Amino acid sequence: MTNEVSIFIMDISNSSTENIGNELSGYLEQLKNHIAEWTQDSAVTKISHRAGDELAVVSSGYASAYTLAFYITRIWRYPGHKPYFGLSFGDIQEDISEINIETWIHPLMKQAREANNYLKKQSNRLLFRFELPRLSDEQGFTVFSQQFEALINTSLTLKQEQMNEQTEIQSLVCSLYFILNQQNKVSQYLGRTTATISYHIKQGKTQLILNAFYSIVKVLDSLGLQNSKPLNDKLQENIRENIRTHLPDYFPEERSLS
């Protein structure tokens, strides 16, 4: 029996500058703990904090790794040192709970690494890139893996352009709206009028950015033979509940821009 999994390998831009390496490494250790809390009772997940500025994640379900990566970008605390994610998904023979992620060798890990290395070489770096399994003898999405890879990466590129155009306050409002899901709650948290929040949501193209995320997750879920939609719904519910419970920790006062 095979198991459907997804993988990301995350690095941080400019992590060796400004003597911030130790601080970023400590932050990644916090993120590792957050991911463990987020995935508890939902997606079976293995996490590794490597080489100071790298996280590697293997999680059950085709959409889980991308879901985790997107949430990480929305709560990320260092705008001058953004994370970037090489991603892949597919089927493995192993039970995820029995994998030693520190020593595990698998083509999917290699593909996630290649996607990460592709981003590393970019001067105008994207946040996400997928590398997918090539055609196999088995039935499934690998028959059209190159086409899916091209379409997903194109969608991610377009979404990135919209995110890059956001101002700091528009990005913050987008993140809070994504987590809280209500304009009035964002308004209350930031101490702004609902009209102001509505303006930033519209000008920052928040709905387009979030709809692109939801669409990609829906496509990834649909590619599996197992019905992983309930798993991803539960995962997102867990993440949101955890962040809402500790909202000032994820979005401290200094992020409430004037």
Protein backbone atom coordinates (compact mmCIF):
# COMPACT_ATOMS: atom_id res chain seq x y z
CA MET A 1 0.00 0.00 0.00
CA THR A 2 1.27 3.45 -0.89
CA ASN A 3 0.84 6.62 1.15
CA GLU A 4 0.15 10.06 -0.29
CA VAL A 5 2.56 12.68 1.02
CA SER A 6 3.80 16.18 0.33
CA ILE A 7 7.16 17.73 1.11
CA PHE A 8 8.72 21.13 1.44
CA ILE A 9 12.29 22.23 1.94
CA MET A 10 12.45 25.82 3.16
CA ASP A 11 15.37 28.23 3.18
CA ILE A 12 15.60 31.89 4.21
CA SER A 13 16.76 34.74 2.01
CA ASN A 14 19.70 36.83 3.25
CA SER A 15 20.10 34.66 6.33
CA SER A 16 23.86 35.24 6.53
CA THR A 17 23.67 39.04 6.62
CA GLU A 18 23.35 41.56 9.47
CA ASN A 19 24.47 39.08 12.14
CA ILE A 20 20.92 37.76 12.33
CA GLY A 21 21.72 34.09 11.82
CA ASN A 22 21.29 33.01 15.45
CA GLU A 23 18.01 34.91 15.78
CA LEU A 24 16.62 33.32 12.62
CA SER A 25 17.76 29.88 13.76
CA GLY A 26 15.91 30.38 17.04
CA TYR A 27 12.82 31.51 15.15
CA LEU A 28 12.92 28.38 12.99
CA GLU A 29 13.04 26.26 16.12
CA GLN A 30 9.84 28.05 17.22
CA LEU A 31 8.29 27.36 13.80
CA LYS A 32 9.21 23.70 14.11
CA ASN A 33 7.24 23.60 17.37
CA HIS A 34 4.35 25.52 15.79
CA ILE A 35 4.13 23.05 12.90
CA ALA A 36 4.06 20.15 15.37
CA GLU A 37 1.14 21.84 17.18
CA TRP A 38 -0.66 22.72 13.94
CA THR A 39 -0.51 19.17 12.60
CA GLN A 40 -1.37 17.42 15.84
CA ASP A 41 -4.49 15.27 15.36
CA SER A 42 -4.63 16.04 11.62
CA ALA A 43 -1.74 15.39 9.23
CA VAL A 44 1.00 12.94 10.19
CA THR A 45 4.11 15.10 9.88
CA LYS A 46 7.87 14.84 10.27
CA ILE A 47 9.87 18.05 10.70
CA SER A 48 13.58 18.73 10.61
CA HIS A 49 15.42 21.97 11.41
CA ARG A 50 18.66 21.72 9.47
CA ALA A 51 21.81 23.78 8.99
CA GLY A 52 20.54 26.78 10.92
CA ASP A 53 18.29 28.28 8.24
CA GLU A 54 16.49 25.29 6.72
CA LEU A 55 13.29 23.43 7.55
CA ALA A 56 12.28 20.16 5.91
CA VAL A 57 8.76 18.80 6.27
CA VAL A 58 7.11 15.56 5.14
CA SER A 59 3.35 15.44 5.71
CA SER A 60 0.43 13.20 4.80
CA GLY A 61 -1.76 14.35 1.92
CA TYR A 62 -0.82 16.02 -1.35
CA ALA A 63 -1.82 19.52 -0.17
CA SER A 64 -0.50 19.57 3.41
CA ALA A 65 3.05 20.81 2.77
CA TYR A 66 1.85 23.69 0.56
CA THR A 67 -0.83 24.56 3.12
CA LEU A 68 1.76 24.69 5.91
CA ALA A 69 4.14 26.72 3.73
CA PHE A 70 1.49 29.30 2.86
CA TYR A 71 0.50 29.79 6.49
CA ILE A 72 4.16 30.21 7.41
CA THR A 73 4.50 33.04 4.87
CA ARG A 74 1.45 34.78 6.36
CA ILE A 75 2.79 34.76 9.95
CA TRP A 76 6.46 35.26 9.03
CA ARG A 77 8.13 37.82 11.28
CA TYR A 78 11.13 38.96 9.21
CA PRO A 79 10.14 40.78 5.98
CA GLY A 80 13.79 41.41 5.11
CA HIS A 81 14.57 37.70 5.30
CA LYS A 82 11.72 35.94 3.56
CA PRO A 83 11.39 32.15 3.39
CA TYR A 84 11.17 30.24 0.14
CA PHE A 85 9.89 26.72 -0.41
CA GLY A 86 10.78 23.93 -2.79
CA LEU A 87 7.81 21.56 -2.86
CA SER A 88 6.83 18.17 -4.17
CA PHE A 89 4.17 15.55 -3.59
CA GLY A 90 3.50 11.97 -4.54
CA ASP A 91 3.31 8.44 -3.19
CA ILE A 92 5.71 6.57 -0.93
CA GLN A 93 5.81 2.98 0.30
CA GLU A 94 6.85 3.90 3.84
CA ASP A 95 4.63 4.78 6.76
CA ILE A 96 5.27 8.48 7.44
CA SER A 97 5.31 7.91 11.20
CA GLU A 98 8.25 5.53 10.78
CA ILE A 99 10.38 7.81 8.58
CA ASN A 100 13.62 9.22 9.98
CA ILE A 101 13.57 12.49 8.11
CA GLU A 102 17.22 13.18 8.96
CA THR A 103 18.39 10.17 6.93
CA TRP A 104 15.44 9.46 4.59
CA ILE A 105 16.40 9.29 0.92
CA HIS A 106 13.58 9.42 -1.63
CA PRO A 107 13.03 10.89 -5.13
CA LEU A 108 10.37 13.25 -3.73
CA MET A 109 12.93 14.76 -1.34
CA LYS A 110 15.30 15.20 -4.27
CA GLN A 111 12.60 16.97 -6.27
CA ALA A 112 11.78 19.32 -3.39
CA ARG A 113 15.51 20.03 -3.08
CA GLU A 114 15.79 20.75 -6.81
CA ALA A 115 12.83 23.13 -6.60
CA ASN A 116 14.46 24.87 -3.63
CA ASN A 117 17.78 25.13 -5.47
CA TYR A 118 15.98 26.63 -8.48
CA LEU A 119 14.58 29.37 -6.27
CA LYS A 120 17.93 29.89 -4.56
CA LYS A 121 19.48 30.88 -7.90
CA GLN A 122 16.80 33.48 -8.70
CA SER A 123 17.58 37.15 -8.21
CA ASN A 124 13.86 37.98 -8.04
CA ARG A 125 12.95 35.00 -5.90
CA LEU A 126 9.48 33.47 -5.71
CA LEU A 127 8.15 32.05 -2.45
CA PHE A 128 7.09 28.68 -3.85
CA ARG A 129 8.05 26.26 -6.59
CA PHE A 130 6.89 22.70 -7.27
CA GLU A 131 8.85 19.87 -8.88
CA LEU A 132 6.64 16.83 -9.50
CA PRO A 133 7.25 13.12 -10.20
CA ARG A 134 7.64 12.27 -13.85
CA LEU A 135 5.59 9.72 -15.78
CA SER A 136 5.46 6.34 -14.05
CA ASP A 137 4.00 2.96 -14.92
CA GLU A 138 1.28 3.50 -12.35
CA GLN A 139 -2.00 5.27 -13.00
CA GLY A 140 -2.63 8.64 -11.40
CA PHE A 141 -1.63 12.26 -11.76
CA THR A 142 1.94 11.42 -12.85
CA VAL A 143 0.57 10.83 -16.36
CA PHE A 144 0.18 14.63 -16.56
CA SER A 145 2.74 15.65 -13.93
CA GLN A 146 4.62 18.04 -16.21
CA GLN A 147 1.38 19.78 -17.19
CA PHE A 148 0.24 20.08 -13.56
CA GLU A 149 3.67 21.36 -12.56
CA ALA A 150 3.58 24.06 -15.24
CA LEU A 151 0.03 25.17 -14.37
CA ILE A 152 0.62 25.26 -10.60
CA ASN A 153 3.90 27.16 -10.92
CA THR A 154 2.31 29.63 -13.33
CA SER A 155 -0.50 30.25 -10.86
CA LEU A 156 2.04 30.72 -8.06
CA THR A 157 4.01 33.20 -10.16
CA LEU A 158 0.91 35.29 -10.87
CA LYS A 159 -0.08 35.20 -7.20
CA GLN A 160 3.44 36.29 -6.26
CA GLU A 161 3.14 39.35 -8.47
CA GLN A 162 -0.04 40.35 -6.64
CA MET A 163 1.59 39.79 -3.25
CA ASN A 164 4.65 41.83 -4.25
CA GLU A 165 2.41 44.78 -5.09
CA GLN A 166 0.91 44.87 -1.59
CA THR A 167 2.00 47.55 0.84
CA GLU A 168 3.01 46.48 4.36
CA ILE A 169 -0.40 47.30 5.80
CA GLN A 170 -2.18 45.54 2.91
CA SER A 171 -0.07 42.42 3.50
CA LEU A 172 -0.80 42.53 7.24
CA VAL A 173 -4.54 42.95 6.64
CA CYS A 174 -4.43 40.09 4.13
CA SER A 175 -2.79 37.81 6.69
CA LEU A 176 -5.18 38.71 9.49
CA TYR A 177 -8.21 38.39 7.25
CA PHE A 178 -6.95 34.97 6.16
CA ILE A 179 -6.70 33.85 9.80
CA LEU A 180 -9.72 35.63 11.32
CA ASN A 181 -11.98 35.41 8.25
CA GLN A 182 -13.99 38.49 9.24
CA GLN A 183 -13.32 42.14 8.42
CA ASN A 184 -14.74 43.36 11.71
CA LYS A 185 -12.37 41.15 13.70
CA VAL A 186 -9.41 42.49 11.73
CA SER A 187 -10.74 45.99 12.36
CA GLN A 188 -10.97 45.36 16.10
CA TYR A 189 -7.50 43.84 16.33
CA LEU A 190 -5.79 46.67 14.43
CA GLY A 191 -7.94 49.43 15.86
CA ARG A 192 -9.04 50.58 12.40
CA THR A 193 -12.48 51.21 10.95
CA THR A 194 -14.11 48.44 8.94
CA ALA A 195 -14.12 50.82 5.98
CA THR A 196 -10.33 51.13 6.21
CA ILE A 197 -9.91 47.37 6.42
CA SER A 198 -12.27 46.88 3.47
CA TYR A 199 -10.23 49.40 1.47
CA HIS A 200 -6.95 47.60 2.17
CA ILE A 201 -8.51 44.22 1.31
CA LYS A 202 -9.69 45.57 -2.02
CA GLN A 203 -6.55 47.54 -2.90
CA GLY A 204 -4.29 44.68 -1.80
CA LYS A 205 -6.20 42.14 -3.93
CA THR A 206 -6.61 39.96 -0.86
CA GLN A 207 -9.50 37.96 -2.28
CA LEU A 208 -7.58 37.11 -5.47
CA ILE A 209 -4.51 36.01 -3.50
CA LEU A 210 -6.49 33.85 -1.07
CA ASN A 211 -8.69 32.39 -3.83
CA ALA A 212 -5.54 31.31 -5.66
CA PHE A 213 -4.35 29.53 -2.50
CA TYR A 214 -7.69 27.77 -2.02
CA SER A 215 -7.80 26.76 -5.69
CA ILE A 216 -4.33 25.22 -5.61
CA VAL A 217 -5.17 23.31 -2.43
CA LYS A 218 -8.39 22.05 -4.03
CA VAL A 219 -6.51 20.84 -7.11
CA LEU A 220 -3.83 19.10 -5.02
CA ASP A 221 -6.49 17.36 -2.94
CA SER A 222 -8.30 16.23 -6.09
CA LEU A 223 -5.20 14.55 -7.55
CA GLY A 224 -5.01 11.90 -4.85
CA LEU A 225 -6.79 8.57 -4.88
CA GLN A 226 -7.47 8.98 -1.18
CA ASN A 227 -9.99 11.62 -0.14
CA SER A 228 -7.65 14.04 1.61
CA LYS A 229 -9.98 17.06 1.64
CA PRO A 230 -11.23 16.33 5.19
CA LEU A 231 -7.59 16.03 6.29
CA ASN A 232 -6.68 19.44 4.85
CA ASP A 233 -9.84 21.05 6.20
CA LYS A 234 -8.94 19.75 9.66
CA LEU A 235 -5.35 20.90 9.25
CA GLN A 236 -6.41 24.45 8.38
CA GLU A 237 -8.92 24.48 11.22
CA ASN A 238 -6.17 23.47 13.64
CA ILE A 239 -3.74 26.08 12.32
CA ARG A 240 -6.26 28.90 12.50
CA GLU A 241 -7.41 27.92 15.99
CA ASN A 242 -3.84 27.83 17.24
CA ILE A 243 -2.95 31.20 15.71
CA ARG A 244 -6.16 32.85 16.91
CA THR A 245 -5.53 31.61 20.45
CA HIS A 246 -2.05 33.16 20.41
CA LEU A 247 -2.69 36.03 18.00
CA PRO A 248 -0.51 38.65 19.79
CA ASP A 249 2.42 36.22 19.62
CA TYR A 250 2.07 35.72 15.88
CA PHE A 251 1.07 39.34 15.15
CA PRO A 252 2.67 41.44 17.91
CA GLU A 253 1.90 45.11 18.41
CA GLU A 254 4.87 46.23 16.33
CA ARG A 255 3.24 44.64 13.30
CA SER A 256 0.10 46.75 13.77
CA LEU A 257 1.34 49.41 11.41
CA SER A 258 0.35 53.03 11.70
